[in-house]
Amino acid sequence: MGEPQLDPSLPPFLRAEQFLRERAQIDLPDLALADETADLLGRVLERINLPYTEGEPSDEWLQTKALLYVGVLAGRSLRSVVVLLRSGYDSEALVFKRRLDEITARVARITDGQHGAQRARE
């Protein structure tokens, strides 16, 4: 695949954005996988049924709720990374990449068999 073919009728700014988008498709083919991952995560999160609970919630309920929240954050962060990379804003995408790293660590703490429920409360 060669260089992107730019539409000369576009204003310079739009032509530059078109170049960055098309260049990202060439240089970063894994962005399609990131899109599919975000879509799949969204479908999984939609299936989670977290009923209202009165009184003290169970450990499982707390962990599910915490994972639901961090799952939504992960999906939004992943989509943000993809949009920024496709637009050529690599350095701006690092903020969301760091958030994804933090989410990964948080999921490990929440799902810890011994202390996960306590960490979900935090």
PDB file of N, CA and C in Angstrom:
ATOM      1  N   MET A   1       0.835  -1.177   0.000  1.00  0.00           N
ATOM      2  CA  MET A   1       0.000   0.000   0.000  1.00  0.00           C
ATOM      3  C   MET A   1       0.881   1.243   0.000  1.00  0.00           C
ATOM      4  N   GLY A   2       0.551   2.196  -0.876  1.00  0.00           N
ATOM      5  CA  GLY A   2       1.365   3.397  -0.976  1.00  0.00           C
ATOM      6  C   GLY A   2       0.818   4.526  -0.130  1.00  0.00           C
ATOM      7  N   GLU A   3       1.223   5.704  -0.505  1.00  0.00           N
ATOM      8  CA  GLU A   3       0.778   6.898   0.207  1.00  0.00           C
ATOM      9  C   GLU A   3      -0.704   7.153  -0.080  1.00  0.00           C
ATOM     10  N   PRO A   4      -1.394   7.780   0.878  1.00  0.00           N
ATOM     11  CA  PRO A   4      -2.807   8.101   0.674  1.00  0.00           C
ATOM     12  C   PRO A   4      -2.987   9.068  -0.497  1.00  0.00           C
ATOM     13  N   GLN A   5      -4.069   8.882  -1.229  1.00  0.00           N
ATOM     14  CA  GLN A   5      -4.420   9.780  -2.320  1.00  0.00           C
ATOM     15  C   GLN A   5      -5.353  10.851  -1.765  1.00  0.00           C
ATOM     16  N   LEU A   6      -4.884  12.081  -1.738  1.00  0.00           N
ATOM     17  CA  LEU A   6      -5.640  13.164  -1.116  1.00  0.00           C
ATOM     18  C   LEU A   6      -6.534  13.869  -2.124  1.00  0.00           C
ATOM     19  N   ASP A   7      -7.673  14.290  -1.636  1.00  0.00           N
ATOM     20  CA  ASP A   7      -8.642  15.022  -2.450  1.00  0.00           C
ATOM     21  C   ASP A   7      -8.197  16.483  -2.528  1.00  0.00           C
ATOM     22  N   PRO A   8      -7.744  16.944  -3.688  1.00  0.00           N
ATOM     23  CA  PRO A   8      -7.245  18.320  -3.802  1.00  0.00           C
ATOM     24  C   PRO A   8      -8.333  19.373  -3.619  1.00  0.00           C
ATOM     25  N   SER A   9      -9.593  18.979  -3.716  1.00  0.00           N
ATOM     26  CA  SER A   9     -10.665  19.969  -3.562  1.00  0.00           C
ATOM     27  C   SER A   9     -10.932  20.313  -2.096  1.00  0.00           C
ATOM     28  N   LEU A  10     -10.385  19.528  -1.168  1.00  0.00           N
ATOM     29  CA  LEU A  10     -10.593  19.797   0.255  1.00  0.00           C
ATOM     30  C   LEU A  10      -9.721  20.961   0.720  1.00  0.00           C
ATOM     31  N   PRO A  11     -10.212  21.713   1.709  1.00  0.00           N
ATOM     32  CA  PRO A  11      -9.361  22.748   2.312  1.00  0.00           C
ATOM     33  C   PRO A  11      -8.130  22.093   2.945  1.00  0.00           C
ATOM     34  N   PRO A  12      -7.040  22.834   3.107  1.00  0.00           N
ATOM     35  CA  PRO A  12      -5.786  22.246   3.616  1.00  0.00           C
ATOM     36  C   PRO A  12      -5.940  21.492   4.930  1.00  0.00           C
ATOM     37  N   PHE A  13      -6.698  22.046   5.876  1.00  0.00           N
ATOM     38  CA  PHE A  13      -6.854  21.376   7.158  1.00  0.00           C
ATOM     39  C   PHE A  13      -7.536  20.023   7.002  1.00  0.00           C
ATOM     40  N   LEU A  14      -8.620  19.972   6.218  1.00  0.00           N
ATOM     41  CA  LEU A  14      -9.329  18.703   6.011  1.00  0.00           C
ATOM     42  C   LEU A  14      -8.473  17.724   5.229  1.00  0.00           C
ATOM     43  N   ARG A  15      -7.674  18.243   4.303  1.00  0.00           N
ATOM     44  CA  ARG A  15      -6.768  17.381   3.541  1.00  0.00           C
ATOM     45  C   ARG A  15      -5.727  16.765   4.474  1.00  0.00           C
ATOM     46  N   ALA A  16      -5.225  17.556   5.435  1.00  0.00           N
ATOM     47  CA  ALA A  16      -4.250  17.041   6.400  1.00  0.00           C
ATOM     48  C   ALA A  16      -4.888  15.971   7.283  1.00  0.00           C
ATOM     49  N   GLU A  17      -6.114  16.194   7.726  1.00  0.00           N
ATOM     50  CA  GLU A  17      -6.795  15.179   8.539  1.00  0.00           C
ATOM     51  C   GLU A  17      -7.063  13.918   7.734  1.00  0.00           C
ATOM     52  N   GLN A  18      -7.440  14.064   6.464  1.00  0.00           N
ATOM     53  CA  GLN A  18      -7.647  12.901   5.608  1.00  0.00           C
ATOM     54  C   GLN A  18      -6.343  12.113   5.487  1.00  0.00           C
ATOM     55  N   PHE A  19      -5.231  12.827   5.314  1.00  0.00           N
ATOM     56  CA  PHE A  19      -3.937  12.167   5.205  1.00  0.00           C
ATOM     57  C   PHE A  19      -3.641  11.365   6.474  1.00  0.00           C
ATOM     58  N   LEU A  20      -3.855  11.991   7.640  1.00  0.00           N
ATOM     59  CA  LEU A  20      -3.567  11.307   8.900  1.00  0.00           C
ATOM     60  C   LEU A  20      -4.444  10.076   9.081  1.00  0.00           C
ATOM     61  N   ARG A  21      -5.724  10.175   8.752  1.00  0.00           N
ATOM     62  CA  ARG A  21      -6.631   9.022   8.880  1.00  0.00           C
ATOM     63  C   ARG A  21      -6.191   7.880   7.968  1.00  0.00           C
ATOM     64  N   GLU A  22      -5.921   8.213   6.716  1.00  0.00           N
ATOM     65  CA  GLU A  22      -5.538   7.173   5.761  1.00  0.00           C
ATOM     66  C   GLU A  22      -4.155   6.602   6.079  1.00  0.00           C
ATOM     67  N   ARG A  23      -3.257   7.444   6.565  1.00  0.00           N
ATOM     68  CA  ARG A  23      -1.929   6.970   6.948  1.00  0.00           C
ATOM     69  C   ARG A  23      -2.030   6.016   8.136  1.00  0.00           C
ATOM     70  N   ALA A  24      -2.937   6.313   9.066  1.00  0.00           N
ATOM     71  CA  ALA A  24      -3.133   5.435  10.232  1.00  0.00           C
ATOM     72  C   ALA A  24      -3.628   4.064   9.792  1.00  0.00           C
ATOM     73  N   GLN A  25      -4.491   4.024   8.781  1.00  0.00           N
ATOM     74  CA  GLN A  25      -4.975   2.734   8.289  1.00  0.00           C
ATOM     75  C   GLN A  25      -3.829   1.907   7.717  1.00  0.00           C
ATOM     76  N   ILE A  26      -2.870   2.582   7.119  1.00  0.00           N
ATOM     77  CA  ILE A  26      -1.713   1.890   6.550  1.00  0.00           C
ATOM     78  C   ILE A  26      -0.738   1.476   7.656  1.00  0.00           C
ATOM     79  N   ASP A  27      -0.417   2.422   8.537  1.00  0.00           N
ATOM     80  CA  ASP A  27       0.615   2.197   9.556  1.00  0.00           C
ATOM     81  C   ASP A  27       0.118   1.421  10.771  1.00  0.00           C
ATOM     82  N   LEU A  28      -1.172   1.510  11.063  1.00  0.00           N
ATOM     83  CA  LEU A  28      -1.710   0.925  12.289  1.00  0.00           C
ATOM     84  C   LEU A  28      -2.890  -0.011  11.980  1.00  0.00           C
ATOM     85  N   PRO A  29      -2.626  -1.137  11.335  1.00  0.00           N
ATOM     86  CA  PRO A  29      -3.727  -2.033  10.965  1.00  0.00           C
ATOM     87  C   PRO A  29      -4.451  -2.630  12.171  1.00  0.00           C
ATOM     88  N   ASP A  30      -3.819  -2.622  13.335  1.00  0.00           N
ATOM     89  CA  ASP A  30      -4.452  -3.188  14.523  1.00  0.00           C
ATOM     90  C   ASP A  30      -5.576  -2.316  15.072  1.00  0.00           C
ATOM     91  N   LEU A  31      -5.748  -1.122  14.541  1.00  0.00           N
ATOM     92  CA  LEU A  31      -6.851  -0.275  15.003  1.00  0.00           C
ATOM     93  C   LEU A  31      -8.200  -0.931  14.712  1.00  0.00           C
ATOM     94  N   ALA A  32      -8.278  -1.707  13.650  1.00  0.00           N
ATOM     95  CA  ALA A  32      -9.522  -2.430  13.361  1.00  0.00           C
ATOM     96  C   ALA A  32      -9.806  -3.453  14.463  1.00  0.00           C
ATOM     97  N   LEU A  33      -8.768  -4.097  14.952  1.00  0.00           N
ATOM     98  CA  LEU A  33      -8.930  -5.038  16.061  1.00  0.00           C
ATOM     99  C   LEU A  33      -9.379  -4.300  17.323  1.00  0.00           C
ATOM    100  N   ALA A  34      -8.834  -3.122  17.548  1.00  0.00           N
ATOM    101  CA  ALA A  34      -9.248  -2.323  18.712  1.00  0.00           C
ATOM    102  C   ALA A  34     -10.728  -1.949  18.599  1.00  0.00           C
ATOM    103  N   ASP A  35     -11.180  -1.616  17.388  1.00  0.00           N
ATOM    104  CA  ASP A  35     -12.608  -1.323  17.181  1.00  0.00           C
ATOM    105  C   ASP A  35     -13.468  -2.540  17.521  1.00  0.00           C
ATOM    106  N   GLU A  36     -13.065  -3.696  17.027  1.00  0.00           N
ATOM    107  CA  GLU A  36     -13.816  -4.923  17.291  1.00  0.00           C
ATOM    108  C   GLU A  36     -13.833  -5.243  18.780  1.00  0.00           C
ATOM    109  N   THR A  37     -12.715  -5.013  19.452  1.00  0.00           N
ATOM    110  CA  THR A  37     -12.620  -5.263  20.893  1.00  0.00           C
ATOM    111  C   THR A  37     -13.569  -4.352  21.655  1.00  0.00           C
ATOM    112  N   ALA A  38     -13.598  -3.084  21.303  1.00  0.00           N
ATOM    113  CA  ALA A  38     -14.498  -2.133  21.968  1.00  0.00           C
ATOM    114  C   ALA A  38     -15.952  -2.522  21.731  1.00  0.00           C
ATOM    115  N   ASP A  39     -16.279  -2.948  20.523  1.00  0.00           N
ATOM    116  CA  ASP A  39     -17.649  -3.388  20.226  1.00  0.00           C
ATOM    117  C   ASP A  39     -18.026  -4.613  21.056  1.00  0.00           C
ATOM    118  N   LEU A  40     -17.119  -5.567  21.131  1.00  0.00           N
ATOM    119  CA  LEU A  40     -17.375  -6.783  21.908  1.00  0.00           C
ATOM    120  C   LEU A  40     -17.539  -6.449  23.392  1.00  0.00           C
ATOM    121  N   LEU A  41     -16.690  -5.594  23.908  1.00  0.00           N
ATOM    122  CA  LEU A  41     -16.812  -5.180  25.306  1.00  0.00           C
ATOM    123  C   LEU A  41     -18.176  -4.534  25.545  1.00  0.00           C
ATOM    124  N   GLY A  42     -18.607  -3.703  24.622  1.00  0.00           N
ATOM    125  CA  GLY A  42     -19.924  -3.078  24.751  1.00  0.00           C
ATOM    126  C   GLY A  42     -21.046  -4.100  24.785  1.00  0.00           C
ATOM    127  N   ARG A  43     -20.961  -5.120  23.940  1.00  0.00           N
ATOM    128  CA  ARG A  43     -22.000  -6.160  23.930  1.00  0.00           C
ATOM    129  C   ARG A  43     -21.999  -6.958  25.231  1.00  0.00           C
ATOM    130  N   VAL A  44     -20.821  -7.218  25.778  1.00  0.00           N
ATOM    131  CA  VAL A  44     -20.732  -7.936  27.060  1.00  0.00           C
ATOM    132  C   VAL A  44     -21.341  -7.087  28.175  1.00  0.00           C
ATOM    133  N   LEU A  45     -20.989  -5.818  28.220  1.00  0.00           N
ATOM    134  CA  LEU A  45     -21.497  -4.940  29.272  1.00  0.00           C
ATOM    135  C   LEU A  45     -23.016  -4.787  29.206  1.00  0.00           C
ATOM    136  N   GLU A  46     -23.565  -4.775  28.000  1.00  0.00           N
ATOM    137  CA  GLU A  46     -25.018  -4.672  27.840  1.00  0.00           C
ATOM    138  C   GLU A  46     -25.744  -5.870  28.443  1.00  0.00           C
ATOM    139  N   ARG A  47     -25.100  -6.988  28.510  1.00  0.00           N
ATOM    140  CA  ARG A  47     -25.738  -8.214  29.009  1.00  0.00           C
ATOM    141  C   ARG A  47     -25.713  -8.338  30.521  1.00  0.00           C
ATOM    142  N   ILE A  48     -24.968  -7.473  31.177  1.00  0.00           N
ATOM    143  CA  ILE A  48     -24.869  -7.550  32.631  1.00  0.00           C
ATOM    144  C   ILE A  48     -26.153  -7.027  33.251  1.00  0.00           C
ATOM    145  N   ASN A  49     -26.753  -7.864  34.080  1.00  0.00           N
ATOM    146  CA  ASN A  49     -27.977  -7.489  34.783  1.00  0.00           C
ATOM    147  C   ASN A  49     -27.628  -7.328  36.253  1.00  0.00           C
ATOM    148  N   LEU A  50     -27.700  -6.106  36.728  1.00  0.00           N
ATOM    149  CA  LEU A  50     -27.353  -5.817  38.113  1.00  0.00           C
ATOM    150  C   LEU A  50     -28.619  -5.311  38.805  1.00  0.00           C
ATOM    151  N   PRO A  51     -29.342  -6.219  39.436  1.00  0.00           N
ATOM    152  CA  PRO A  51     -30.611  -5.819  40.041  1.00  0.00           C
ATOM    153  C   PRO A  51     -30.405  -4.896  41.241  1.00  0.00           C
ATOM    154  N   TYR A  52     -31.425  -4.104  41.499  1.00  0.00           N
ATOM    155  CA  TYR A  52     -31.407  -3.235  42.679  1.00  0.00           C
ATOM    156  C   TYR A  52     -31.370  -4.113  43.919  1.00  0.00           C
ATOM    157  N   THR A  53     -30.618  -3.685  44.908  1.00  0.00           N
ATOM    158  CA  THR A  53     -30.523  -4.457  46.131  1.00  0.00           C
ATOM    159  C   THR A  53     -30.782  -3.546  47.325  1.00  0.00           C
ATOM    160  N   GLU A  54     -31.496  -4.068  48.285  1.00  0.00           N
ATOM    161  CA  GLU A  54     -31.727  -3.326  49.521  1.00  0.00           C
ATOM    162  C   GLU A  54     -30.808  -3.881  50.599  1.00  0.00           C
ATOM    163  N   GLY A  55     -30.407  -3.025  51.510  1.00  0.00           N
ATOM    164  CA  GLY A  55     -29.521  -3.481  52.568  1.00  0.00           C
ATOM    165  C   GLY A  55     -28.098  -3.603  52.081  1.00  0.00           C
ATOM    166  N   GLU A  56     -27.325  -4.380  52.790  1.00  0.00           N
ATOM    167  CA  GLU A  56     -25.910  -4.581  52.459  1.00  0.00           C
ATOM    168  C   GLU A  56     -25.792  -5.490  51.230  1.00  0.00           C
ATOM    169  N   PRO A  57     -25.180  -4.972  50.146  1.00  0.00           N
ATOM    170  CA  PRO A  57     -25.039  -5.816  48.947  1.00  0.00           C
ATOM    171  C   PRO A  57     -24.018  -6.928  49.177  1.00  0.00           C
ATOM    172  N   SER A  58     -24.184  -8.002  48.423  1.00  0.00           N
ATOM    173  CA  SER A  58     -23.257  -9.129  48.525  1.00  0.00           C
ATOM    174  C   SER A  58     -21.909  -8.759  47.900  1.00  0.00           C
ATOM    175  N   ASP A  59     -20.895  -9.532  48.243  1.00  0.00           N
ATOM    176  CA  ASP A  59     -19.561  -9.311  47.662  1.00  0.00           C
ATOM    177  C   ASP A  59     -19.617  -9.432  46.141  1.00  0.00           C
ATOM    178  N   GLU A  60     -20.325 -10.442  45.656  1.00  0.00           N
ATOM    179  CA  GLU A  60     -20.431 -10.649  44.209  1.00  0.00           C
ATOM    180  C   GLU A  60     -21.087  -9.452  43.532  1.00  0.00           C
ATOM    181  N   TRP A  61     -22.133  -8.908  44.149  1.00  0.00           N
ATOM    182  CA  TRP A  61     -22.833  -7.749  43.591  1.00  0.00           C
ATOM    183  C   TRP A  61     -21.883  -6.557  43.517  1.00  0.00           C
ATOM    184  N   LEU A  62     -21.117  -6.330  44.588  1.00  0.00           N
ATOM    185  CA  LEU A  62     -20.177  -5.211  44.614  1.00  0.00           C
ATOM    186  C   LEU A  62     -19.092  -5.362  43.547  1.00  0.00           C
ATOM    187  N   GLN A  63     -18.586  -6.573  43.405  1.00  0.00           N
ATOM    188  CA  GLN A  63     -17.556  -6.805  42.396  1.00  0.00           C
ATOM    189  C   GLN A  63     -18.119  -6.625  40.989  1.00  0.00           C
ATOM    190  N   THR A  64     -19.336  -7.108  40.762  1.00  0.00           N
ATOM    191  CA  THR A  64     -19.961  -6.952  39.448  1.00  0.00           C
ATOM    192  C   THR A  64     -20.162  -5.482  39.131  1.00  0.00           C
ATOM    193  N   LYS A  65     -20.657  -4.723  40.097  1.00  0.00           N
ATOM    194  CA  LYS A  65     -20.873  -3.291  39.881  1.00  0.00           C
ATOM    195  C   LYS A  65     -19.559  -2.583  39.583  1.00  0.00           C
ATOM    196  N   ALA A  66     -18.522  -2.884  40.352  1.00  0.00           N
ATOM    197  CA  ALA A  66     -17.222  -2.255  40.124  1.00  0.00           C
ATOM    198  C   ALA A  66     -16.675  -2.616  38.741  1.00  0.00           C
ATOM    199  N   LEU A  67     -16.815  -3.885  38.355  1.00  0.00           N
ATOM    200  CA  LEU A  67     -16.330  -4.303  37.033  1.00  0.00           C
ATOM    201  C   LEU A  67     -17.141  -3.669  35.914  1.00  0.00           C
ATOM    202  N   LEU A  68     -18.419  -3.471  36.140  1.00  0.00           N
ATOM    203  CA  LEU A  68     -19.254  -2.793  35.150  1.00  0.00           C
ATOM    204  C   LEU A  68     -18.753  -1.363  34.937  1.00  0.00           C
ATOM    205  N   TYR A  69     -18.497  -0.653  36.013  1.00  0.00           N
ATOM    206  CA  TYR A  69     -18.007   0.719  35.916  1.00  0.00           C
ATOM    207  C   TYR A  69     -16.646   0.794  35.220  1.00  0.00           C
ATOM    208  N   VAL A  70     -15.715  -0.064  35.617  1.00  0.00           N
ATOM    209  CA  VAL A  70     -14.404  -0.001  34.970  1.00  0.00           C
ATOM    210  C   VAL A  70     -14.482  -0.512  33.529  1.00  0.00           C
ATOM    211  N   GLY A  71     -15.430  -1.400  33.243  1.00  0.00           N
ATOM    212  CA  GLY A  71     -15.628  -1.847  31.862  1.00  0.00           C
ATOM    213  C   GLY A  71     -16.089  -0.713  30.968  1.00  0.00           C
ATOM    214  N   VAL A  72     -17.009   0.087  31.466  1.00  0.00           N
ATOM    215  CA  VAL A  72     -17.474   1.251  30.698  1.00  0.00           C
ATOM    216  C   VAL A  72     -16.321   2.224  30.490  1.00  0.00           C
ATOM    217  N   LEU A  73     -15.561   2.472  31.543  1.00  0.00           N
ATOM    218  CA  LEU A  73     -14.390   3.352  31.421  1.00  0.00           C
ATOM    219  C   LEU A  73     -13.395   2.805  30.396  1.00  0.00           C
ATOM    220  N   ALA A  74     -13.188   1.495  30.411  1.00  0.00           N
ATOM    221  CA  ALA A  74     -12.260   0.871  29.465  1.00  0.00           C
ATOM    222  C   ALA A  74     -12.745   1.035  28.034  1.00  0.00           C
ATOM    223  N   GLY A  75     -14.036   0.805  27.818  1.00  0.00           N
ATOM    224  CA  GLY A  75     -14.581   0.958  26.470  1.00  0.00           C
ATOM    225  C   GLY A  75     -14.441   2.376  25.955  1.00  0.00           C
ATOM    226  N   ARG A  76     -14.771   3.347  26.789  1.00  0.00           N
ATOM    227  CA  ARG A  76     -14.646   4.751  26.387  1.00  0.00           C
ATOM    228  C   ARG A  76     -13.191   5.128  26.129  1.00  0.00           C
ATOM    229  N   SER A  77     -12.309   4.643  26.985  1.00  0.00           N
ATOM    230  CA  SER A  77     -10.884   4.962  26.832  1.00  0.00           C
ATOM    231  C   SER A  77     -10.318   4.334  25.558  1.00  0.00           C
ATOM    232  N   LEU A  78     -10.705   3.090  25.287  1.00  0.00           N
ATOM    233  CA  LEU A  78     -10.220   2.420  24.080  1.00  0.00           C
ATOM    234  C   LEU A  78     -10.699   3.148  22.834  1.00  0.00           C
ATOM    235  N   ARG A  79     -11.964   3.521  22.819  1.00  0.00           N
ATOM    236  CA  ARG A  79     -12.483   4.263  21.658  1.00  0.00           C
ATOM    237  C   ARG A  79     -11.760   5.606  21.501  1.00  0.00           C
ATOM    238  N   SER A  80     -11.462   6.254  22.616  1.00  0.00           N
ATOM    239  CA  SER A  80     -10.737   7.531  22.559  1.00  0.00           C
ATOM    240  C   SER A  80      -9.343   7.344  21.970  1.00  0.00           C
ATOM    241  N   VAL A  81      -8.650   6.295  22.399  1.00  0.00           N
ATOM    242  CA  VAL A  81      -7.313   6.008  21.857  1.00  0.00           C
ATOM    243  C   VAL A  81      -7.390   5.822  20.342  1.00  0.00           C
ATOM    244  N   VAL A  82      -8.350   5.040  19.901  1.00  0.00           N
ATOM    245  CA  VAL A  82      -8.469   4.747  18.471  1.00  0.00           C
ATOM    246  C   VAL A  82      -8.737   6.020  17.673  1.00  0.00           C
ATOM    247  N   VAL A  83      -9.664   6.835  18.144  1.00  0.00           N
ATOM    248  CA  VAL A  83      -9.983   8.081  17.431  1.00  0.00           C
ATOM    249  C   VAL A  83      -8.755   8.984  17.364  1.00  0.00           C
ATOM    250  N   LEU A  84      -8.065   9.124  18.486  1.00  0.00           N
ATOM    251  CA  LEU A  84      -6.891   9.998  18.506  1.00  0.00           C
ATOM    252  C   LEU A  84      -5.774   9.468  17.610  1.00  0.00           C
ATOM    253  N   LEU A  85      -5.538   8.164  17.628  1.00  0.00           N
ATOM    254  CA  LEU A  85      -4.499   7.604  16.764  1.00  0.00           C
ATOM    255  C   LEU A  85      -4.860   7.758  15.296  1.00  0.00           C
ATOM    256  N   ARG A  86      -6.122   7.541  14.985  1.00  0.00           N
ATOM    257  CA  ARG A  86      -6.549   7.690  13.584  1.00  0.00           C
ATOM    258  C   ARG A  86      -6.425   9.134  13.114  1.00  0.00           C
ATOM    259  N   SER A  87      -6.496  10.068  14.036  1.00  0.00           N
ATOM    260  CA  SER A  87      -6.422  11.484  13.682  1.00  0.00           C
ATOM    261  C   SER A  87      -4.998  12.022  13.752  1.00  0.00           C
ATOM    262  N   GLY A  88      -4.048  11.161  14.108  1.00  0.00           N
ATOM    263  CA  GLY A  88      -2.660  11.576  14.145  1.00  0.00           C
ATOM    264  C   GLY A  88      -2.218  12.202  15.453  1.00  0.00           C
ATOM    265  N   TYR A  89      -3.044  12.101  16.484  1.00  0.00           N
ATOM    266  CA  TYR A  89      -2.714  12.697  17.781  1.00  0.00           C
ATOM    267  C   TYR A  89      -2.157  11.630  18.718  1.00  0.00           C
ATOM    268  N   ASP A  90      -1.011  11.101  18.363  1.00  0.00           N
ATOM    269  CA  ASP A  90      -0.409  10.000  19.127  1.00  0.00           C
ATOM    270  C   ASP A  90      -0.140  10.378  20.574  1.00  0.00           C
ATOM    271  N   SER A  91       0.452  11.539  20.789  1.00  0.00           N
ATOM    272  CA  SER A  91       0.816  11.909  22.162  1.00  0.00           C
ATOM    273  C   SER A  91      -0.424  12.124  23.027  1.00  0.00           C
ATOM    274  N   GLU A  92      -1.515  12.625  22.458  1.00  0.00           N
ATOM    275  CA  GLU A  92      -2.743  12.797  23.221  1.00  0.00           C
ATOM    276  C   GLU A  92      -3.366  11.451  23.587  1.00  0.00           C
ATOM    277  N   ALA A  93      -3.115  10.427  22.792  1.00  0.00           N
ATOM    278  CA  ALA A  93      -3.661   9.097  23.058  1.00  0.00           C
ATOM    279  C   ALA A  93      -2.993   8.439  24.263  1.00  0.00           C
ATOM    280  N   LEU A  94      -1.803   8.898  24.621  1.00  0.00           N
ATOM    281  CA  LEU A  94      -1.080   8.297  25.744  1.00  0.00           C
ATOM    282  C   LEU A  94      -1.834   8.418  27.066  1.00  0.00           C
ATOM    283  N   VAL A  95      -2.597   9.497  27.231  1.00  0.00           N
ATOM    284  CA  VAL A  95      -3.387   9.679  28.456  1.00  0.00           C
ATOM    285  C   VAL A  95      -4.374   8.526  28.616  1.00  0.00           C
ATOM    286  N   PHE A  96      -5.039   8.178  27.532  1.00  0.00           N
ATOM    287  CA  PHE A  96      -6.041   7.110  27.589  1.00  0.00           C
ATOM    288  C   PHE A  96      -5.386   5.736  27.660  1.00  0.00           C
ATOM    289  N   LYS A  97      -4.203   5.603  27.089  1.00  0.00           N
ATOM    290  CA  LYS A  97      -3.464   4.346  27.201  1.00  0.00           C
ATOM    291  C   LYS A  97      -3.083   4.123  28.668  1.00  0.00           C
ATOM    292  N   ARG A  98      -2.663   5.194  29.329  1.00  0.00           N
ATOM    293  CA  ARG A  98      -2.335   5.076  30.752  1.00  0.00           C
ATOM    294  C   ARG A  98      -3.579   4.710  31.556  1.00  0.00           C
ATOM    295  N   ARG A  99      -4.712   5.307  31.210  1.00  0.00           N
ATOM    296  CA  ARG A  99      -5.961   4.967  31.902  1.00  0.00           C
ATOM    297  C   ARG A  99      -6.281   3.491  31.699  1.00  0.00           C
ATOM    298  N   LEU A 100      -6.063   2.963  30.503  1.00  0.00           N
ATOM    299  CA  LEU A 100      -6.309   1.536  30.254  1.00  0.00           C
ATOM    300  C   LEU A 100      -5.384   0.674  31.107  1.00  0.00           C
ATOM    301  N   ASP A 101      -4.144   1.097  31.276  1.00  0.00           N
ATOM    302  CA  ASP A 101      -3.222   0.364  32.159  1.00  0.00           C
ATOM    303  C   ASP A 101      -3.734   0.370  33.598  1.00  0.00           C
ATOM    304  N   GLU A 102      -4.213   1.524  34.049  1.00  0.00           N
ATOM    305  CA  GLU A 102      -4.747   1.630  35.407  1.00  0.00           C
ATOM    306  C   GLU A 102      -5.999   0.766  35.577  1.00  0.00           C
ATOM    307  N   ILE A 103      -6.835   0.730  34.549  1.00  0.00           N
ATOM    308  CA  ILE A 103      -8.046  -0.098  34.596  1.00  0.00           C
ATOM    309  C   ILE A 103      -7.667  -1.573  34.691  1.00  0.00           C
ATOM    310  N   THR A 104      -6.663  -1.985  33.939  1.00  0.00           N
ATOM    311  CA  THR A 104      -6.204  -3.375  33.988  1.00  0.00           C
ATOM    312  C   THR A 104      -5.770  -3.750  35.403  1.00  0.00           C
ATOM    313  N   ALA A 105      -5.025  -2.861  36.043  1.00  0.00           N
ATOM    314  CA  ALA A 105      -4.593  -3.116  37.417  1.00  0.00           C
ATOM    315  C   ALA A 105      -5.786  -3.146  38.367  1.00  0.00           C
ATOM    316  N   ARG A 106      -6.745  -2.268  38.144  1.00  0.00           N
ATOM    317  CA  ARG A 106      -7.942  -2.212  39.005  1.00  0.00           C
ATOM    318  C   ARG A 106      -8.763  -3.495  38.865  1.00  0.00           C
ATOM    319  N   VAL A 107      -8.910  -3.997  37.659  1.00  0.00           N
ATOM    320  CA  VAL A 107      -9.651  -5.243  37.439  1.00  0.00           C
ATOM    321  C   VAL A 107      -8.967  -6.389  38.190  1.00  0.00           C
ATOM    322  N   ALA A 108      -7.654  -6.436  38.159  1.00  0.00           N
ATOM    323  CA  ALA A 108      -6.930  -7.492  38.879  1.00  0.00           C
ATOM    324  C   ALA A 108      -7.201  -7.403  40.380  1.00  0.00           C
ATOM    325  N   ARG A 109      -7.257  -6.193  40.913  1.00  0.00           N
ATOM    326  CA  ARG A 109      -7.524  -6.034  42.348  1.00  0.00           C
ATOM    327  C   ARG A 109      -8.970  -6.418  42.684  1.00  0.00           C
ATOM    328  N   ILE A 110      -9.919  -6.026  41.836  1.00  0.00           N
ATOM    329  CA  ILE A 110     -11.335  -6.312  42.094  1.00  0.00           C
ATOM    330  C   ILE A 110     -11.620  -7.810  42.022  1.00  0.00           C
ATOM    331  N   THR A 111     -10.940  -8.509  41.135  1.00  0.00           N
ATOM    332  CA  THR A 111     -11.211  -9.937  40.944  1.00  0.00           C
ATOM    333  C   THR A 111     -10.339 -10.828  41.814  1.00  0.00           C
ATOM    334  N   ASP A 112      -9.499 -10.242  42.638  1.00  0.00           N
ATOM    335  CA  ASP A 112      -8.675 -11.010  43.567  1.00  0.00           C
ATOM    336  C   ASP A 112      -9.592 -11.841  44.463  1.00  0.00           C
ATOM    337  N   GLY A 113      -9.347 -13.130  44.533  1.00  0.00           N
ATOM    338  CA  GLY A 113     -10.205 -14.035  45.299  1.00  0.00           C
ATOM    339  C   GLY A 113     -10.267 -13.749  46.780  1.00  0.00           C
ATOM    340  N   GLN A 114      -9.206 -13.244  47.331  1.00  0.00           N
ATOM    341  CA  GLN A 114      -9.152 -13.052  48.774  1.00  0.00           C
ATOM    342  C   GLN A 114      -9.671 -11.684  49.214  1.00  0.00           C
ATOM    343  N   HIS A 115      -9.307 -10.631  48.494  1.00  0.00           N
ATOM    344  CA  HIS A 115      -9.649  -9.276  48.925  1.00  0.00           C
ATOM    345  C   HIS A 115     -10.447  -8.491  47.898  1.00  0.00           C
ATOM    346  N   GLY A 116     -10.877  -9.115  46.815  1.00  0.00           N
ATOM    347  CA  GLY A 116     -11.537  -8.404  45.729  1.00  0.00           C
ATOM    348  C   GLY A 116     -12.768  -7.623  46.130  1.00  0.00           C
ATOM    349  N   ALA A 117     -13.618  -8.223  46.969  1.00  0.00           N
ATOM    350  CA  ALA A 117     -14.847  -7.528  47.363  1.00  0.00           C
ATOM    351  C   ALA A 117     -14.525  -6.270  48.158  1.00  0.00           C
ATOM    352  N   GLN A 118     -13.547  -6.359  49.023  1.00  0.00           N
ATOM    353  CA  GLN A 118     -13.154  -5.171  49.801  1.00  0.00           C
ATOM    354  C   GLN A 118     -12.612  -4.094  48.870  1.00  0.00           C
ATOM    355  N   ARG A 119     -11.835  -4.492  47.905  1.00  0.00           N
ATOM    356  CA  ARG A 119     -11.275  -3.525  46.965  1.00  0.00           C
ATOM    357  C   ARG A 119     -12.351  -2.945  46.055  1.00  0.00           C
ATOM    358  N   ALA A 120     -13.396  -3.712  45.771  1.00  0.00           N
ATOM    359  CA  ALA A 120     -14.515  -3.202  44.983  1.00  0.00           C
ATOM    360  C   ALA A 120     -15.259  -2.121  45.747  1.00  0.00           C
ATOM    361  N   ARG A 121     -15.263  -2.211  47.060  1.00  0.00           N
ATOM    362  CA  ARG A 121     -15.920  -1.199  47.890  1.00  0.00           C
ATOM    363  C   ARG A 121     -15.154   0.117  47.893  1.00  0.00           C
ATOM    364  N   GLU A 122     -13.858   0.062  47.619  1.00  0.00           N
ATOM    365  CA  GLU A 122     -13.006   1.259  47.740  1.00  0.00           C
ATOM    366  C   GLU A 122     -13.222   2.230  46.632  1.00  0.00           C
TER     367      GLU A 122
END
